[in-house]
């Protein structure tokens, strides 16, 4: 599986652009390094990684309903197993 398609139950709008679906690509080591930033919490690191993998701004991930965020986490974990 090279991509995971995530249909949002609760679409989000950021800067007048509505997002109804996210497409997450397989993570690479460089994506993990992108998430690392001095002083950032684990949640902030995860948000940066997810935004990078889905090719959206971190604000889009931050606006997700927790049900949809859980689906993003599940898609990410599926790539790691």
PDB file of N, CA and C in Angstrom:
ATOM      1  N   UNK A   1       0.850  -1.168   0.000  1.00  0.00           N
ATOM      2  CA  UNK A   1       0.000   0.000   0.000  1.00  0.00           C
ATOM      3  C   UNK A   1       0.904   1.241   0.000  1.00  0.00           C
ATOM      4  N   UNK A   2       0.752   2.092  -1.007  1.00  0.00           N
ATOM      5  CA  UNK A   2       1.602   3.276  -1.094  1.00  0.00           C
ATOM      6  C   UNK A   2       0.894   4.534  -0.602  1.00  0.00           C
ATOM      7  N   UNK A   3      -0.427   4.500  -0.546  1.00  0.00           N
ATOM      8  CA  UNK A   3      -1.207   5.635  -0.051  1.00  0.00           C
ATOM      9  C   UNK A   3      -2.412   5.121   0.719  1.00  0.00           C
ATOM     10  N   UNK A   4      -2.881   5.978   1.615  1.00  0.00           N
ATOM     11  CA  UNK A   4      -4.099   5.676   2.345  1.00  0.00           C
ATOM     12  C   UNK A   4      -5.052   6.854   2.163  1.00  0.00           C
ATOM     13  N   UNK A   5      -6.256   6.562   1.724  1.00  0.00           N
ATOM     14  CA  UNK A   5      -7.265   7.603   1.522  1.00  0.00           C
ATOM     15  C   UNK A   5      -8.160   7.668   2.755  1.00  0.00           C
ATOM     16  N   UNK A   6      -8.326   8.862   3.293  1.00  0.00           N
ATOM     17  CA  UNK A   6      -9.114   9.053   4.508  1.00  0.00           C
ATOM     18  C   UNK A   6     -10.251  10.017   4.202  1.00  0.00           C
ATOM     19  N   UNK A   7     -11.485   9.514   4.234  1.00  0.00           N
ATOM     20  CA  UNK A   7     -12.661  10.361   4.033  1.00  0.00           C
ATOM     21  C   UNK A   7     -13.054  10.923   5.392  1.00  0.00           C
ATOM     22  N   UNK A   8     -13.054  12.243   5.498  1.00  0.00           N
ATOM     23  CA  UNK A   8     -13.381  12.880   6.770  1.00  0.00           C
ATOM     24  C   UNK A   8     -14.879  12.823   7.039  1.00  0.00           C
ATOM     25  N   UNK A   9     -15.245  12.438   8.244  1.00  0.00           N
ATOM     26  CA  UNK A   9     -16.648  12.459   8.651  1.00  0.00           C
ATOM     27  C   UNK A   9     -17.107  13.887   8.879  1.00  0.00           C
ATOM     28  N   UNK A  10     -16.154  14.737   9.277  1.00  0.00           N
ATOM     29  CA  UNK A  10     -16.445  16.134   9.574  1.00  0.00           C
ATOM     30  C   UNK A  10     -15.446  17.006   8.818  1.00  0.00           C
ATOM     31  N   UNK A  11     -15.769  17.369   7.552  1.00  0.00           N
ATOM     32  CA  UNK A  11     -14.848  18.183   6.755  1.00  0.00           C
ATOM     33  C   UNK A  11     -14.466  19.474   7.487  1.00  0.00           C
ATOM     34  N   UNK A  12     -13.280  19.964   7.184  1.00  0.00           N
ATOM     35  CA  UNK A  12     -12.783  21.189   7.815  1.00  0.00           C
ATOM     36  C   UNK A  12     -12.526  22.245   6.750  1.00  0.00           C
ATOM     37  N   UNK A  13     -12.620  23.506   7.160  1.00  0.00           N
ATOM     38  CA  UNK A  13     -12.325  24.619   6.273  1.00  0.00           C
ATOM     39  C   UNK A  13     -11.235  25.459   6.907  1.00  0.00           C
ATOM     40  N   UNK A  14     -10.152  25.658   6.171  1.00  0.00           N
ATOM     41  CA  UNK A  14      -9.038  26.485   6.606  1.00  0.00           C
ATOM     42  C   UNK A  14      -8.722  27.446   5.466  1.00  0.00           C
ATOM     43  N   UNK A  15      -8.704  28.725   5.774  1.00  0.00           N
ATOM     44  CA  UNK A  15      -8.444  29.767   4.778  1.00  0.00           C
ATOM     45  C   UNK A  15      -9.361  29.616   3.565  1.00  0.00           C
ATOM     46  N   UNK A  16     -10.638  29.398   3.842  1.00  0.00           N
ATOM     47  CA  UNK A  16     -11.693  29.303   2.832  1.00  0.00           C
ATOM     48  C   UNK A  16     -11.576  28.102   1.905  1.00  0.00           C
ATOM     49  N   UNK A  17     -10.734  27.124   2.261  1.00  0.00           N
ATOM     50  CA  UNK A  17     -10.600  25.893   1.476  1.00  0.00           C
ATOM     51  C   UNK A  17     -11.131  24.734   2.316  1.00  0.00           C
ATOM     52  N   UNK A  18     -12.153  24.068   1.783  1.00  0.00           N
ATOM     53  CA  UNK A  18     -12.729  22.928   2.503  1.00  0.00           C
ATOM     54  C   UNK A  18     -11.961  21.654   2.157  1.00  0.00           C
ATOM     55  N   UNK A  19     -11.669  20.873   3.182  1.00  0.00           N
ATOM     56  CA  UNK A  19     -11.006  19.583   3.006  1.00  0.00           C
ATOM     57  C   UNK A  19     -11.980  18.499   3.437  1.00  0.00           C
ATOM     58  N   UNK A  20     -12.326  17.603   2.497  1.00  0.00           N
ATOM     59  CA  UNK A  20     -13.246  16.512   2.773  1.00  0.00           C
ATOM     60  C   UNK A  20     -12.533  15.169   2.854  1.00  0.00           C
ATOM     61  N   UNK A  21     -11.346  15.091   2.235  1.00  0.00           N
ATOM     62  CA  UNK A  21     -10.567  13.855   2.190  1.00  0.00           C
ATOM     63  C   UNK A  21      -9.099  14.181   2.374  1.00  0.00           C
ATOM     64  N   UNK A  22      -8.384  13.242   2.951  1.00  0.00           N
ATOM     65  CA  UNK A  22      -6.937  13.352   3.050  1.00  0.00           C
ATOM     66  C   UNK A  22      -6.330  12.129   2.386  1.00  0.00           C
ATOM     67  N   UNK A  23      -5.209  12.334   1.740  1.00  0.00           N
ATOM     68  CA  UNK A  23      -4.472  11.243   1.122  1.00  0.00           C
ATOM     69  C   UNK A  23      -3.100  11.199   1.782  1.00  0.00           C
ATOM     70  N   UNK A  24      -2.842  10.124   2.517  1.00  0.00           N
ATOM     71  CA  UNK A  24      -1.579   9.996   3.248  1.00  0.00           C
ATOM     72  C   UNK A  24      -0.661   9.036   2.508  1.00  0.00           C
ATOM     73  N   UNK A  25       0.561   9.504   2.235  1.00  0.00           N
ATOM     74  CA  UNK A  25       1.550   8.640   1.593  1.00  0.00           C
ATOM     75  C   UNK A  25       2.334   7.895   2.666  1.00  0.00           C
ATOM     76  N   UNK A  26       3.057   6.869   2.231  1.00  0.00           N
ATOM     77  CA  UNK A  26       3.882   6.080   3.157  1.00  0.00           C
ATOM     78  C   UNK A  26       4.962   6.967   3.764  1.00  0.00           C
ATOM     79  N   UNK A  27       5.199   6.845   5.059  1.00  0.00           N
ATOM     80  CA  UNK A  27       6.240   7.652   5.704  1.00  0.00           C
ATOM     81  C   UNK A  27       7.638   7.111   5.443  1.00  0.00           C
ATOM     82  N   UNK A  28       8.590   8.022   5.449  1.00  0.00           N
ATOM     83  CA  UNK A  28      10.004   7.691   5.326  1.00  0.00           C
ATOM     84  C   UNK A  28      10.730   8.248   6.544  1.00  0.00           C
ATOM     85  N   UNK A  29      11.954   7.865   6.727  1.00  0.00           N
ATOM     86  CA  UNK A  29      12.745   8.333   7.868  1.00  0.00           C
ATOM     87  C   UNK A  29      12.820   9.855   7.852  1.00  0.00           C
ATOM     88  N   UNK A  30      12.974  10.455   6.677  1.00  0.00           N
ATOM     89  CA  UNK A  30      13.075  11.911   6.597  1.00  0.00           C
ATOM     90  C   UNK A  30      11.802  12.596   7.105  1.00  0.00           C
ATOM     91  N   UNK A  31      10.648  11.911   7.011  1.00  0.00           N
ATOM     92  CA  UNK A  31       9.412  12.484   7.553  1.00  0.00           C
ATOM     93  C   UNK A  31       9.455  12.533   9.076  1.00  0.00           C
ATOM     94  N   UNK A  32      10.018  11.492   9.674  1.00  0.00           N
ATOM     95  CA  UNK A  32      10.178  11.476  11.129  1.00  0.00           C
ATOM     96  C   UNK A  32      11.074  12.634  11.562  1.00  0.00           C
ATOM     97  N   UNK A  33      12.144  12.862  10.814  1.00  0.00           N
ATOM     98  CA  UNK A  33      13.067  13.951  11.144  1.00  0.00           C
ATOM     99  C   UNK A  33      12.408  15.312  10.986  1.00  0.00           C
ATOM    100  N   UNK A  34      11.500  15.435  10.023  1.00  0.00           N
ATOM    101  CA  UNK A  34      10.762  16.684   9.836  1.00  0.00           C
ATOM    102  C   UNK A  34       9.931  17.001  11.072  1.00  0.00           C
ATOM    103  N   UNK A  35       9.412  15.961  11.709  1.00  0.00           N
ATOM    104  CA  UNK A  35       8.583  16.157  12.894  1.00  0.00           C
ATOM    105  C   UNK A  35       9.364  16.619  14.105  1.00  0.00           C
ATOM    106  N   UNK A  36      10.655  16.324  14.135  1.00  0.00           N
ATOM    107  CA  UNK A  36      11.487  16.684  15.278  1.00  0.00           C
ATOM    108  C   UNK A  36      11.792  18.185  15.266  1.00  0.00           C
ATOM    109  N   UNK A  37      11.502  18.834  16.356  1.00  0.00           N
ATOM    110  CA  UNK A  37      11.806  20.251  16.489  1.00  0.00           C
ATOM    111  C   UNK A  37      12.018  20.523  17.967  1.00  0.00           C
ATOM    112  N   UNK A  38      13.067  21.191  18.273  1.00  0.00           N
ATOM    113  CA  UNK A  38      13.425  21.443  19.662  1.00  0.00           C
ATOM    114  C   UNK A  38      12.266  22.116  20.409  1.00  0.00           C
ATOM    115  N   UNK A  39      11.921  21.551  21.551  1.00  0.00           N
ATOM    116  CA  UNK A  39      10.892  22.136  22.398  1.00  0.00           C
ATOM    117  C   UNK A  39       9.466  21.798  22.006  1.00  0.00           C
ATOM    118  N   UNK A  40       9.261  21.059  20.923  1.00  0.00           N
ATOM    119  CA  UNK A  40       7.909  20.708  20.484  1.00  0.00           C
ATOM    120  C   UNK A  40       7.393  19.524  21.291  1.00  0.00           C
ATOM    121  N   UNK A  41       6.102  19.548  21.585  1.00  0.00           N
ATOM    122  CA  UNK A  41       5.488  18.424  22.293  1.00  0.00           C
ATOM    123  C   UNK A  41       5.314  17.252  21.336  1.00  0.00           C
ATOM    124  N   UNK A  42       5.029  16.080  21.879  1.00  0.00           N
ATOM    125  CA  UNK A  42       4.791  14.900  21.044  1.00  0.00           C
ATOM    126  C   UNK A  42       3.614  15.132  20.100  1.00  0.00           C
ATOM    127  N   UNK A  43       2.575  15.805  20.598  1.00  0.00           N
ATOM    128  CA  UNK A  43       1.401  16.079  19.761  1.00  0.00           C
ATOM    129  C   UNK A  43       1.773  17.004  18.609  1.00  0.00           C
ATOM    130  N   UNK A  44       2.573  18.018  18.866  1.00  0.00           N
ATOM    131  CA  UNK A  44       3.001  18.941  17.806  1.00  0.00           C
ATOM    132  C   UNK A  44       3.844  18.219  16.756  1.00  0.00           C
ATOM    133  N   UNK A  45       4.704  17.322  17.207  1.00  0.00           N
ATOM    134  CA  UNK A  45       5.526  16.540  16.275  1.00  0.00           C
ATOM    135  C   UNK A  45       4.635  15.674  15.388  1.00  0.00           C
ATOM    136  N   UNK A  46       3.660  15.015  16.008  1.00  0.00           N
ATOM    137  CA  UNK A  46       2.759  14.144  15.264  1.00  0.00           C
ATOM    138  C   UNK A  46       1.955  14.949  14.238  1.00  0.00           C
ATOM    139  N   UNK A  47       1.473  16.109  14.623  1.00  0.00           N
ATOM    140  CA  UNK A  47       0.711  16.967  13.711  1.00  0.00           C
ATOM    141  C   UNK A  47       1.564  17.368  12.518  1.00  0.00           C
ATOM    142  N   UNK A  48       2.821  17.744  12.766  1.00  0.00           N
ATOM    143  CA  UNK A  48       3.727  18.115  11.667  1.00  0.00           C
ATOM    144  C   UNK A  48       3.972  16.943  10.721  1.00  0.00           C
ATOM    145  N   UNK A  49       4.175  15.768  11.286  1.00  0.00           N
ATOM    146  CA  UNK A  49       4.391  14.578  10.446  1.00  0.00           C
ATOM    147  C   UNK A  49       3.148  14.283   9.609  1.00  0.00           C
ATOM    148  N   UNK A  50       1.964  14.283  10.226  1.00  0.00           N
ATOM    149  CA  UNK A  50       0.731  13.994   9.500  1.00  0.00           C
ATOM    150  C   UNK A  50       0.483  15.022   8.400  1.00  0.00           C
ATOM    151  N   UNK A  51       0.714  16.297   8.704  1.00  0.00           N
ATOM    152  CA  UNK A  51       0.524  17.354   7.695  1.00  0.00           C
ATOM    153  C   UNK A  51       1.460  17.128   6.514  1.00  0.00           C
ATOM    154  N   UNK A  52       2.697  16.770   6.804  1.00  0.00           N
ATOM    155  CA  UNK A  52       3.679  16.517   5.751  1.00  0.00           C
ATOM    156  C   UNK A  52       3.258  15.319   4.892  1.00  0.00           C
ATOM    157  N   UNK A  53       2.834  14.244   5.525  1.00  0.00           N
ATOM    158  CA  UNK A  53       2.442  13.040   4.793  1.00  0.00           C
ATOM    159  C   UNK A  53       1.167  13.234   3.970  1.00  0.00           C
ATOM    160  N   UNK A  54       0.286  14.108   4.447  1.00  0.00           N
ATOM    161  CA  UNK A  54      -0.978  14.374   3.743  1.00  0.00           C
ATOM    162  C   UNK A  54      -0.873  15.583   2.807  1.00  0.00           C
ATOM    163  N   UNK A  55       0.288  16.239   2.834  1.00  0.00           N
ATOM    164  CA  UNK A  55       0.540  17.416   1.998  1.00  0.00           C
ATOM    165  C   UNK A  55      -0.504  18.506   2.205  1.00  0.00           C
ATOM    166  N   UNK A  56      -0.746  18.817   3.484  1.00  0.00           N
ATOM    167  CA  UNK A  56      -1.629  19.921   3.868  1.00  0.00           C
ATOM    168  C   UNK A  56      -0.913  20.746   4.932  1.00  0.00           C
ATOM    169  N   UNK A  57      -1.429  21.921   5.194  1.00  0.00           N
ATOM    170  CA  UNK A  57      -0.873  22.764   6.248  1.00  0.00           C
ATOM    171  C   UNK A  57      -1.188  22.142   7.612  1.00  0.00           C
ATOM    172  N   UNK A  58      -0.306  22.316   8.588  1.00  0.00           N
ATOM    173  CA  UNK A  58      -0.592  21.794   9.930  1.00  0.00           C
ATOM    174  C   UNK A  58      -1.930  22.289  10.491  1.00  0.00           C
ATOM    175  N   UNK A  59      -2.367  23.461  10.086  1.00  0.00           N
ATOM    176  CA  UNK A  59      -3.642  24.007  10.569  1.00  0.00           C
ATOM    177  C   UNK A  59      -4.814  23.115  10.176  1.00  0.00           C
ATOM    178  N   UNK A  60      -4.716  22.446   9.027  1.00  0.00           N
ATOM    179  CA  UNK A  60      -5.780  21.532   8.602  1.00  0.00           C
ATOM    180  C   UNK A  60      -5.866  20.368   9.584  1.00  0.00           C
ATOM    181  N   UNK A  61      -4.748  19.802   9.942  1.00  0.00           N
ATOM    182  CA  UNK A  61      -4.733  18.686  10.901  1.00  0.00           C
ATOM    183  C   UNK A  61      -5.252  19.156  12.255  1.00  0.00           C
ATOM    184  N   UNK A  62      -4.862  20.352  12.671  1.00  0.00           N
ATOM    185  CA  UNK A  62      -5.305  20.888  13.965  1.00  0.00           C
ATOM    186  C   UNK A  62      -6.811  21.096  14.019  1.00  0.00           C
ATOM    187  N   UNK A  63      -7.444  21.350  12.881  1.00  0.00           N
ATOM    188  CA  UNK A  63      -8.886  21.590  12.840  1.00  0.00           C
ATOM    189  C   UNK A  63      -9.714  20.310  12.777  1.00  0.00           C
ATOM    190  N   UNK A  64      -9.074  19.152  12.592  1.00  0.00           N
ATOM    191  CA  UNK A  64      -9.816  17.899  12.473  1.00  0.00           C
ATOM    192  C   UNK A  64     -10.601  17.579  13.738  1.00  0.00           C
ATOM    193  N   UNK A  65     -11.784  17.024  13.533  1.00  0.00           N
ATOM    194  CA  UNK A  65     -12.548  16.442  14.627  1.00  0.00           C
ATOM    195  C   UNK A  65     -11.738  15.257  15.161  1.00  0.00           C
ATOM    196  N   UNK A  66     -11.856  14.970  16.430  1.00  0.00           N
ATOM    197  CA  UNK A  66     -11.059  13.893  17.027  1.00  0.00           C
ATOM    198  C   UNK A  66     -11.354  12.529  16.389  1.00  0.00           C
ATOM    199  N   UNK A  67     -12.573  12.320  15.897  1.00  0.00           N
ATOM    200  CA  UNK A  67     -12.888  11.061  15.199  1.00  0.00           C
ATOM    201  C   UNK A  67     -12.037  10.952  13.940  1.00  0.00           C
ATOM    202  N   UNK A  68     -11.941  12.053  13.203  1.00  0.00           N
ATOM    203  CA  UNK A  68     -11.140  12.048  11.980  1.00  0.00           C
ATOM    204  C   UNK A  68      -9.644  11.990  12.300  1.00  0.00           C
ATOM    205  N   UNK A  69      -9.227  12.645  13.364  1.00  0.00           N
ATOM    206  CA  UNK A  69      -7.821  12.580  13.765  1.00  0.00           C
ATOM    207  C   UNK A  69      -7.445  11.138  14.113  1.00  0.00           C
ATOM    208  N   UNK A  70      -8.357  10.436  14.772  1.00  0.00           N
ATOM    209  CA  UNK A  70      -8.130   9.023  15.082  1.00  0.00           C
ATOM    210  C   UNK A  70      -7.963   8.194  13.819  1.00  0.00           C
ATOM    211  N   UNK A  71      -8.727   8.513  12.772  1.00  0.00           N
ATOM    212  CA  UNK A  71      -8.604   7.798  11.499  1.00  0.00           C
ATOM    213  C   UNK A  71      -7.242   8.063  10.859  1.00  0.00           C
ATOM    214  N   UNK A  72      -6.747   9.295  10.993  1.00  0.00           N
ATOM    215  CA  UNK A  72      -5.422   9.642  10.466  1.00  0.00           C
ATOM    216  C   UNK A  72      -4.348   8.863  11.235  1.00  0.00           C
ATOM    217  N   UNK A  73      -4.480   8.809  12.558  1.00  0.00           N
ATOM    218  CA  UNK A  73      -3.523   8.051  13.369  1.00  0.00           C
ATOM    219  C   UNK A  73      -3.539   6.570  12.985  1.00  0.00           C
ATOM    220  N   UNK A  74      -4.722   6.034  12.757  1.00  0.00           N
ATOM    221  CA  UNK A  74      -4.861   4.621  12.391  1.00  0.00           C
ATOM    222  C   UNK A  74      -4.195   4.355  11.039  1.00  0.00           C
ATOM    223  N   UNK A  75      -4.393   5.251  10.076  1.00  0.00           N
ATOM    224  CA  UNK A  75      -3.766   5.100   8.757  1.00  0.00           C
ATOM    225  C   UNK A  75      -2.245   5.120   8.890  1.00  0.00           C
ATOM    226  N   UNK A  76      -1.742   6.010   9.706  1.00  0.00           N
ATOM    227  CA  UNK A  76      -0.297   6.106   9.928  1.00  0.00           C
ATOM    228  C   UNK A  76       0.241   4.822  10.542  1.00  0.00           C
ATOM    229  N   UNK A  77      -0.436   4.324  11.561  1.00  0.00           N
ATOM    230  CA  UNK A  77      -0.014   3.094  12.234  1.00  0.00           C
ATOM    231  C   UNK A  77      -0.050   1.897  11.278  1.00  0.00           C
ATOM    232  N   UNK A  78      -1.005   1.882  10.354  1.00  0.00           N
ATOM    233  CA  UNK A  78      -1.088   0.780   9.390  1.00  0.00           C
ATOM    234  C   UNK A  78       0.160   0.721   8.507  1.00  0.00           C
ATOM    235  N   UNK A  79       0.730   1.892   8.203  1.00  0.00           N
ATOM    236  CA  UNK A  79       1.966   1.914   7.419  1.00  0.00           C
ATOM    237  C   UNK A  79       3.144   1.341   8.215  1.00  0.00           C
ATOM    238  N   UNK A  80       3.097   1.462   9.534  1.00  0.00           N
ATOM    239  CA  UNK A  80       4.217   1.035  10.370  1.00  0.00           C
ATOM    240  C   UNK A  80       4.176  -0.438  10.742  1.00  0.00           C
ATOM    241  N   UNK A  81       3.027  -1.083  10.505  1.00  0.00           N
ATOM    242  CA  UNK A  81       2.914  -2.494  10.896  1.00  0.00           C
ATOM    243  C   UNK A  81       3.108  -3.432   9.737  1.00  0.00           C
TER     244      UNK A  81
END
